[in-house]
Amino acid sequence: MANQILKEAVARRRGEFPNDSVFLSDWQVHAANVVCSAIVDKAASTPQDAGPKYLPFPTGSGKTIGAVWGIVQVARDYPDKKICFLTPYQSAVDRVHDSLTKYLGHKVVGKYHGEAFVDKAEELAKQIVVLTHQFVPHNKGA
């Protein structure tokens, strides 16, 4: 029974995101599905569920693609929710931003890092913003 549920979840995610999942193993799609579901559950949660979720997965397991899938679903299902995706690397900001804009467009998804030549205020006003971790200590309150 559990194996069938896993197979159905993997098939569903492959159907929803065929271009993103073509190079992923079933295990990676499953891990990405777990991350995606955690993000969607967090968006649907009550204020009592506030706070971070920690999902430890190894490198190459599908965390980032799962996060993209979850953010896409939350943006569509909860257009009033603001989402901030933090990563330590500028190159990762660019990759995640590109993946998200493919689904949601540049009007919804913003990005900011030290080498991004963009209007900071305009990018931060968007529903979804992809940033480096360095943004936080240098932009308190933003």
N, C-alpha and C. Protein backbone atom coordinates (compact mmCIF):
# COMPACT_ATOMS: atom_id res chain seq x y z
N MET A 1 0.82 -1.20 0.00
CA MET A 1 0.00 0.00 0.00
C MET A 1 0.86 1.26 0.00
N ALA A 2 1.87 1.34 0.91
CA ALA A 2 2.72 2.52 0.98
C ALA A 2 3.49 2.70 -0.32
N ASN A 3 3.93 1.59 -0.92
CA ASN A 3 4.66 1.66 -2.17
C ASN A 3 3.77 2.22 -3.28
N GLN A 4 2.52 1.86 -3.28
CA GLN A 4 1.57 2.37 -4.29
C GLN A 4 1.34 3.87 -4.11
N ILE A 5 1.24 4.32 -2.85
CA ILE A 5 1.07 5.75 -2.58
C ILE A 5 2.29 6.52 -3.07
N LEU A 6 3.48 5.99 -2.81
CA LEU A 6 4.71 6.62 -3.29
C LEU A 6 4.71 6.72 -4.82
N LYS A 7 4.35 5.63 -5.48
CA LYS A 7 4.32 5.62 -6.95
C LYS A 7 3.32 6.64 -7.49
N GLU A 8 2.16 6.74 -6.84
CA GLU A 8 1.14 7.69 -7.28
C GLU A 8 1.61 9.14 -7.09
N ALA A 9 2.27 9.41 -5.96
CA ALA A 9 2.77 10.76 -5.70
C ALA A 9 3.85 11.14 -6.72
N VAL A 10 4.74 10.21 -7.00
CA VAL A 10 5.80 10.46 -7.98
C VAL A 10 5.19 10.70 -9.36
N ALA A 11 4.23 9.89 -9.75
CA ALA A 11 3.58 10.05 -11.05
C ALA A 11 2.85 11.40 -11.14
N ARG A 12 2.19 11.79 -10.05
CA ARG A 12 1.46 13.07 -10.04
C ARG A 12 2.42 14.24 -10.21
N ARG A 13 3.53 14.24 -9.48
CA ARG A 13 4.49 15.34 -9.60
C ARG A 13 5.15 15.35 -10.98
N ARG A 14 5.44 14.18 -11.51
CA ARG A 14 6.02 14.12 -12.86
C ARG A 14 5.02 14.70 -13.88
N GLY A 15 3.73 14.46 -13.66
CA GLY A 15 2.70 15.00 -14.54
C GLY A 15 2.55 16.51 -14.42
N GLU A 16 2.68 17.03 -13.19
CA GLU A 16 2.55 18.47 -12.96
C GLU A 16 3.76 19.25 -13.47
N PHE A 17 4.94 18.66 -13.34
CA PHE A 17 6.18 19.35 -13.69
C PHE A 17 7.05 18.45 -14.58
N PRO A 18 6.57 18.13 -15.78
CA PRO A 18 7.28 17.16 -16.62
C PRO A 18 8.68 17.60 -17.03
N ASN A 19 8.87 18.85 -17.33
CA ASN A 19 10.19 19.31 -17.76
C ASN A 19 11.21 19.31 -16.63
N ASP A 20 10.75 19.59 -15.41
CA ASP A 20 11.65 19.64 -14.26
C ASP A 20 12.01 18.26 -13.74
N SER A 21 11.16 17.29 -13.95
CA SER A 21 11.37 15.98 -13.34
C SER A 21 11.96 14.94 -14.28
N VAL A 22 12.17 15.29 -15.54
CA VAL A 22 12.61 14.30 -16.52
C VAL A 22 13.97 13.69 -16.15
N PHE A 23 14.86 14.46 -15.53
CA PHE A 23 16.19 13.95 -15.19
C PHE A 23 16.30 13.48 -13.75
N LEU A 24 15.20 13.45 -13.03
CA LEU A 24 15.21 13.04 -11.63
C LEU A 24 14.81 11.57 -11.49
N SER A 25 15.45 10.89 -10.55
CA SER A 25 15.04 9.52 -10.22
C SER A 25 13.73 9.59 -9.45
N ASP A 26 13.07 8.45 -9.31
CA ASP A 26 11.83 8.41 -8.51
C ASP A 26 12.10 8.86 -7.08
N TRP A 27 13.25 8.49 -6.54
CA TRP A 27 13.58 8.88 -5.17
C TRP A 27 13.71 10.40 -5.07
N GLN A 28 14.35 11.04 -6.04
CA GLN A 28 14.48 12.49 -6.04
C GLN A 28 13.13 13.18 -6.20
N VAL A 29 12.27 12.64 -7.03
CA VAL A 29 10.93 13.21 -7.19
C VAL A 29 10.16 13.07 -5.88
N HIS A 30 10.32 11.94 -5.21
CA HIS A 30 9.65 11.76 -3.92
C HIS A 30 10.16 12.78 -2.90
N ALA A 31 11.48 12.95 -2.81
CA ALA A 31 12.05 13.92 -1.88
C ALA A 31 11.57 15.33 -2.22
N ALA A 32 11.55 15.67 -3.50
CA ALA A 32 11.05 16.98 -3.93
C ALA A 32 9.58 17.14 -3.55
N ASN A 33 8.82 16.08 -3.67
CA ASN A 33 7.40 16.10 -3.30
C ASN A 33 7.24 16.39 -1.81
N VAL A 34 8.10 15.80 -0.97
CA VAL A 34 8.05 16.05 0.48
C VAL A 34 8.30 17.53 0.76
N VAL A 35 9.33 18.09 0.12
CA VAL A 35 9.65 19.51 0.31
C VAL A 35 8.50 20.38 -0.19
N CYS A 36 7.99 20.07 -1.35
CA CYS A 36 6.87 20.81 -1.93
C CYS A 36 5.67 20.79 -0.97
N SER A 37 5.34 19.62 -0.48
CA SER A 37 4.20 19.48 0.43
C SER A 37 4.41 20.26 1.73
N ALA A 38 5.63 20.28 2.24
CA ALA A 38 5.92 21.03 3.46
C ALA A 38 5.70 22.52 3.26
N ILE A 39 6.08 23.03 2.10
CA ILE A 39 5.89 24.45 1.80
C ILE A 39 4.41 24.77 1.66
N VAL A 40 3.68 23.95 0.96
CA VAL A 40 2.25 24.18 0.78
C VAL A 40 1.53 24.07 2.13
N ASP A 41 1.88 23.07 2.93
CA ASP A 41 1.28 22.93 4.26
C ASP A 41 1.56 24.15 5.13
N LYS A 42 2.76 24.68 5.03
CA LYS A 42 3.14 25.87 5.81
C LYS A 42 2.28 27.06 5.40
N ALA A 43 2.05 27.23 4.12
CA ALA A 43 1.23 28.35 3.65
C ALA A 43 -0.22 28.22 4.11
N ALA A 44 -0.69 27.00 4.22
CA ALA A 44 -2.07 26.76 4.63
C ALA A 44 -2.25 26.71 6.14
N SER A 45 -1.15 26.78 6.88
CA SER A 45 -1.21 26.60 8.33
C SER A 45 -1.81 27.81 9.03
N THR A 46 -2.10 27.61 10.29
CA THR A 46 -2.64 28.66 11.13
C THR A 46 -1.48 29.44 11.76
N PRO A 47 -1.75 30.62 12.33
CA PRO A 47 -0.68 31.39 12.97
C PRO A 47 0.05 30.60 14.08
N GLN A 48 -0.63 29.65 14.69
CA GLN A 48 0.01 28.85 15.74
C GLN A 48 1.12 27.98 15.17
N ASP A 49 1.09 27.72 13.88
CA ASP A 49 2.11 26.89 13.24
C ASP A 49 3.27 27.72 12.71
N ALA A 50 3.33 28.99 13.10
CA ALA A 50 4.37 29.88 12.59
C ALA A 50 5.76 29.38 12.99
N GLY A 51 6.73 29.74 12.20
CA GLY A 51 8.10 29.35 12.48
C GLY A 51 8.66 28.50 11.37
N PRO A 52 9.96 28.32 11.37
CA PRO A 52 10.60 27.58 10.29
C PRO A 52 10.35 26.08 10.36
N LYS A 53 10.46 25.44 9.22
CA LYS A 53 10.46 23.98 9.14
C LYS A 53 11.84 23.57 8.70
N TYR A 54 12.35 22.51 9.27
CA TYR A 54 13.67 22.01 8.91
C TYR A 54 13.51 20.65 8.26
N LEU A 55 13.95 20.53 7.02
CA LEU A 55 13.85 19.28 6.28
C LEU A 55 15.25 18.87 5.83
N PRO A 56 15.92 18.03 6.60
CA PRO A 56 17.29 17.64 6.22
C PRO A 56 17.30 16.56 5.15
N PHE A 57 17.83 16.89 4.00
CA PHE A 57 17.99 15.94 2.90
C PHE A 57 19.42 16.10 2.38
N PRO A 58 19.98 15.06 1.84
CA PRO A 58 21.35 15.17 1.32
C PRO A 58 21.42 15.98 0.02
N THR A 59 22.62 16.39 -0.32
CA THR A 59 22.87 17.08 -1.58
C THR A 59 22.38 16.22 -2.74
N GLY A 60 21.71 16.86 -3.69
CA GLY A 60 21.24 16.15 -4.88
C GLY A 60 19.95 15.39 -4.69
N SER A 61 19.27 15.62 -3.58
CA SER A 61 18.05 14.85 -3.30
C SER A 61 16.79 15.46 -3.91
N GLY A 62 16.85 16.71 -4.33
CA GLY A 62 15.67 17.33 -4.93
C GLY A 62 15.07 18.44 -4.09
N LYS A 63 15.81 18.95 -3.09
CA LYS A 63 15.28 20.00 -2.22
C LYS A 63 14.91 21.26 -2.99
N THR A 64 15.81 21.73 -3.83
CA THR A 64 15.56 22.99 -4.53
C THR A 64 14.40 22.87 -5.51
N ILE A 65 14.37 21.81 -6.27
CA ILE A 65 13.26 21.66 -7.23
C ILE A 65 11.94 21.49 -6.49
N GLY A 66 11.96 20.79 -5.35
CA GLY A 66 10.75 20.68 -4.53
C GLY A 66 10.31 22.02 -3.99
N ALA A 67 11.27 22.85 -3.62
CA ALA A 67 10.94 24.20 -3.14
C ALA A 67 10.31 25.01 -4.26
N VAL A 68 10.85 24.90 -5.46
CA VAL A 68 10.26 25.61 -6.61
C VAL A 68 8.83 25.14 -6.82
N TRP A 69 8.61 23.82 -6.82
CA TRP A 69 7.26 23.30 -7.01
C TRP A 69 6.31 23.83 -5.94
N GLY A 70 6.76 23.81 -4.68
CA GLY A 70 5.92 24.29 -3.58
C GLY A 70 5.61 25.76 -3.69
N ILE A 71 6.61 26.56 -4.04
CA ILE A 71 6.40 28.00 -4.18
C ILE A 71 5.44 28.30 -5.32
N VAL A 72 5.56 27.58 -6.42
CA VAL A 72 4.64 27.76 -7.54
C VAL A 72 3.21 27.46 -7.09
N GLN A 73 3.03 26.36 -6.38
CA GLN A 73 1.68 26.00 -5.93
C GLN A 73 1.14 27.02 -4.94
N VAL A 74 1.97 27.48 -4.00
CA VAL A 74 1.51 28.47 -3.02
C VAL A 74 1.16 29.78 -3.72
N ALA A 75 1.99 30.21 -4.67
CA ALA A 75 1.71 31.46 -5.39
C ALA A 75 0.38 31.39 -6.11
N ARG A 76 0.05 30.25 -6.64
CA ARG A 76 -1.22 30.09 -7.36
C ARG A 76 -2.41 29.95 -6.41
N ASP A 77 -2.22 29.21 -5.32
CA ASP A 77 -3.33 28.94 -4.40
C ASP A 77 -3.53 30.03 -3.35
N TYR A 78 -2.47 30.76 -3.01
CA TYR A 78 -2.52 31.78 -1.96
C TYR A 78 -1.86 33.07 -2.48
N PRO A 79 -2.50 33.77 -3.39
CA PRO A 79 -1.87 34.95 -3.99
C PRO A 79 -1.59 36.08 -3.00
N ASP A 80 -2.16 36.00 -1.79
CA ASP A 80 -1.91 37.02 -0.78
C ASP A 80 -0.68 36.71 0.08
N LYS A 81 -0.10 35.53 -0.07
CA LYS A 81 1.07 35.14 0.71
C LYS A 81 2.34 35.67 0.06
N LYS A 82 3.22 36.20 0.87
CA LYS A 82 4.54 36.67 0.40
C LYS A 82 5.55 35.58 0.74
N ILE A 83 6.41 35.25 -0.22
CA ILE A 83 7.38 34.18 -0.04
C ILE A 83 8.77 34.71 -0.29
N CYS A 84 9.68 34.37 0.62
CA CYS A 84 11.07 34.76 0.50
C CYS A 84 11.91 33.48 0.46
N PHE A 85 12.64 33.28 -0.62
CA PHE A 85 13.52 32.11 -0.78
C PHE A 85 14.95 32.59 -0.57
N LEU A 86 15.63 32.06 0.45
CA LEU A 86 17.01 32.44 0.75
C LEU A 86 17.96 31.33 0.37
N THR A 87 19.09 31.71 -0.21
CA THR A 87 20.14 30.77 -0.56
C THR A 87 21.47 31.48 -0.38
N PRO A 88 22.53 30.75 -0.07
CA PRO A 88 23.80 31.43 0.16
C PRO A 88 24.54 31.88 -1.11
N TYR A 89 24.13 31.44 -2.26
CA TYR A 89 24.91 31.68 -3.48
C TYR A 89 24.15 32.52 -4.50
N GLN A 90 24.84 33.49 -5.08
CA GLN A 90 24.23 34.33 -6.11
C GLN A 90 23.82 33.51 -7.32
N SER A 91 24.62 32.53 -7.68
CA SER A 91 24.27 31.69 -8.83
C SER A 91 22.99 30.91 -8.57
N ALA A 92 22.78 30.49 -7.32
CA ALA A 92 21.55 29.77 -6.96
C ALA A 92 20.36 30.72 -7.01
N VAL A 93 20.54 31.97 -6.61
CA VAL A 93 19.47 32.96 -6.72
C VAL A 93 19.02 33.05 -8.18
N ASP A 94 19.99 33.17 -9.07
CA ASP A 94 19.66 33.29 -10.49
C ASP A 94 18.95 32.04 -11.02
N ARG A 95 19.42 30.85 -10.63
CA ARG A 95 18.79 29.61 -11.10
C ARG A 95 17.37 29.45 -10.58
N VAL A 96 17.18 29.69 -9.28
CA VAL A 96 15.83 29.56 -8.70
C VAL A 96 14.90 30.62 -9.29
N HIS A 97 15.39 31.83 -9.43
CA HIS A 97 14.59 32.90 -10.03
C HIS A 97 14.16 32.51 -11.45
N ASP A 98 15.10 32.00 -12.23
CA ASP A 98 14.76 31.58 -13.60
C ASP A 98 13.71 30.48 -13.61
N SER A 99 13.84 29.51 -12.70
CA SER A 99 12.85 28.43 -12.62
C SER A 99 11.48 28.95 -12.23
N LEU A 100 11.43 29.82 -11.26
CA LEU A 100 10.14 30.36 -10.81
C LEU A 100 9.50 31.26 -11.87
N THR A 101 10.30 32.09 -12.53
CA THR A 101 9.70 32.97 -13.54
C THR A 101 9.19 32.18 -14.74
N LYS A 102 9.74 31.02 -14.98
CA LYS A 102 9.24 30.17 -16.06
C LYS A 102 7.77 29.81 -15.80
N TYR A 103 7.40 29.62 -14.54
CA TYR A 103 6.03 29.26 -14.19
C TYR A 103 5.16 30.46 -13.87
N LEU A 104 5.74 31.49 -13.23
CA LEU A 104 4.93 32.56 -12.67
C LEU A 104 5.14 33.93 -13.30
N GLY A 105 6.22 34.13 -14.01
CA GLY A 105 6.50 35.39 -14.68
C GLY A 105 7.28 36.38 -13.83
N HIS A 106 7.87 37.37 -14.51
CA HIS A 106 8.72 38.36 -13.85
C HIS A 106 7.93 39.35 -12.99
N LYS A 107 6.63 39.49 -13.24
CA LYS A 107 5.83 40.42 -12.44
C LYS A 107 5.58 39.87 -11.03
N VAL A 108 5.66 38.56 -10.87
CA VAL A 108 5.39 37.91 -9.59
C VAL A 108 6.69 37.62 -8.83
N VAL A 109 7.76 37.30 -9.55
CA VAL A 109 8.99 36.82 -8.93
C VAL A 109 10.11 37.85 -9.07
N GLY A 110 10.67 38.23 -7.92
CA GLY A 110 11.79 39.16 -7.91
C GLY A 110 13.05 38.49 -7.41
N LYS A 111 14.18 39.16 -7.62
CA LYS A 111 15.44 38.65 -7.09
C LYS A 111 16.31 39.81 -6.69
N TYR A 112 17.20 39.52 -5.75
CA TYR A 112 18.15 40.54 -5.35
C TYR A 112 19.39 39.88 -4.76
N HIS A 113 20.54 40.32 -5.24
CA HIS A 113 21.84 39.99 -4.65
C HIS A 113 22.82 41.07 -5.07
N GLY A 114 24.02 41.03 -4.55
CA GLY A 114 24.99 42.10 -4.76
C GLY A 114 25.33 42.38 -6.20
N GLU A 115 25.22 41.40 -7.07
CA GLU A 115 25.57 41.58 -8.47
C GLU A 115 24.34 41.75 -9.38
N ALA A 116 23.15 41.77 -8.80
CA ALA A 116 21.93 41.93 -9.59
C ALA A 116 21.70 43.42 -9.84
N PHE A 117 21.65 43.80 -11.07
CA PHE A 117 21.43 45.21 -11.43
C PHE A 117 19.94 45.42 -11.65
N VAL A 118 19.23 45.54 -10.51
CA VAL A 118 17.78 45.67 -10.52
C VAL A 118 17.37 46.77 -9.56
N ASP A 119 16.14 47.21 -9.66
CA ASP A 119 15.58 48.16 -8.71
C ASP A 119 15.19 47.38 -7.46
N LYS A 120 15.95 47.56 -6.40
CA LYS A 120 15.77 46.79 -5.17
C LYS A 120 14.35 46.90 -4.63
N ALA A 121 13.83 48.10 -4.51
CA ALA A 121 12.48 48.30 -3.97
C ALA A 121 11.43 47.61 -4.84
N GLU A 122 11.59 47.69 -6.14
CA GLU A 122 10.64 47.06 -7.06
C GLU A 122 10.68 45.53 -6.91
N GLU A 123 11.87 44.98 -6.82
CA GLU A 123 12.01 43.52 -6.69
C GLU A 123 11.45 43.03 -5.35
N LEU A 124 11.71 43.76 -4.27
CA LEU A 124 11.23 43.36 -2.94
C LEU A 124 9.72 43.48 -2.80
N ALA A 125 9.08 44.26 -3.64
CA ALA A 125 7.63 44.44 -3.58
C ALA A 125 6.87 43.28 -4.21
N LYS A 126 7.57 42.41 -4.93
CA LYS A 126 6.90 41.30 -5.61
C LYS A 126 6.48 40.22 -4.62
N GLN A 127 5.53 39.39 -5.03
CA GLN A 127 5.00 38.34 -4.14
C GLN A 127 6.09 37.37 -3.71
N ILE A 128 6.96 37.01 -4.62
CA ILE A 128 8.02 36.05 -4.33
C ILE A 128 9.35 36.75 -4.60
N VAL A 129 10.27 36.63 -3.64
CA VAL A 129 11.58 37.24 -3.80
C VAL A 129 12.64 36.18 -3.48
N VAL A 130 13.62 36.06 -4.36
CA VAL A 130 14.73 35.13 -4.18
C VAL A 130 15.96 35.97 -3.82
N LEU A 131 16.58 35.65 -2.69
CA LEU A 131 17.67 36.47 -2.15
C LEU A 131 18.83 35.61 -1.65
N THR A 132 20.00 36.25 -1.50
CA THR A 132 21.09 35.58 -0.79
C THR A 132 20.91 35.83 0.70
N HIS A 133 21.52 34.97 1.51
CA HIS A 133 21.46 35.13 2.96
C HIS A 133 22.04 36.46 3.41
N GLN A 134 23.01 36.99 2.68
CA GLN A 134 23.66 38.24 3.06
C GLN A 134 22.68 39.40 3.08
N PHE A 135 21.57 39.27 2.40
CA PHE A 135 20.58 40.34 2.37
C PHE A 135 20.05 40.64 3.78
N VAL A 136 19.83 39.61 4.57
CA VAL A 136 19.15 39.74 5.86
C VAL A 136 19.90 40.65 6.82
N PRO A 137 21.16 40.38 7.16
CA PRO A 137 21.82 41.26 8.14
C PRO A 137 22.06 42.68 7.64
N HIS A 138 22.11 42.88 6.34
CA HIS A 138 22.40 44.20 5.79
C HIS A 138 21.14 44.99 5.43
N ASN A 139 19.97 44.41 5.61
CA ASN A 139 18.72 45.06 5.22
C ASN A 139 17.63 44.83 6.28
N LYS A 140 17.95 45.04 7.51
CA LYS A 140 16.99 44.80 8.58
C LYS A 140 15.72 45.62 8.34
N GLY A 141 14.60 44.94 8.47
CA GLY A 141 13.32 45.59 8.27
C GLY A 141 12.81 45.55 6.84
N ALA A 142 13.69 45.31 5.90
CA ALA A 142 13.27 45.25 4.49
C ALA A 142 12.63 43.92 4.18
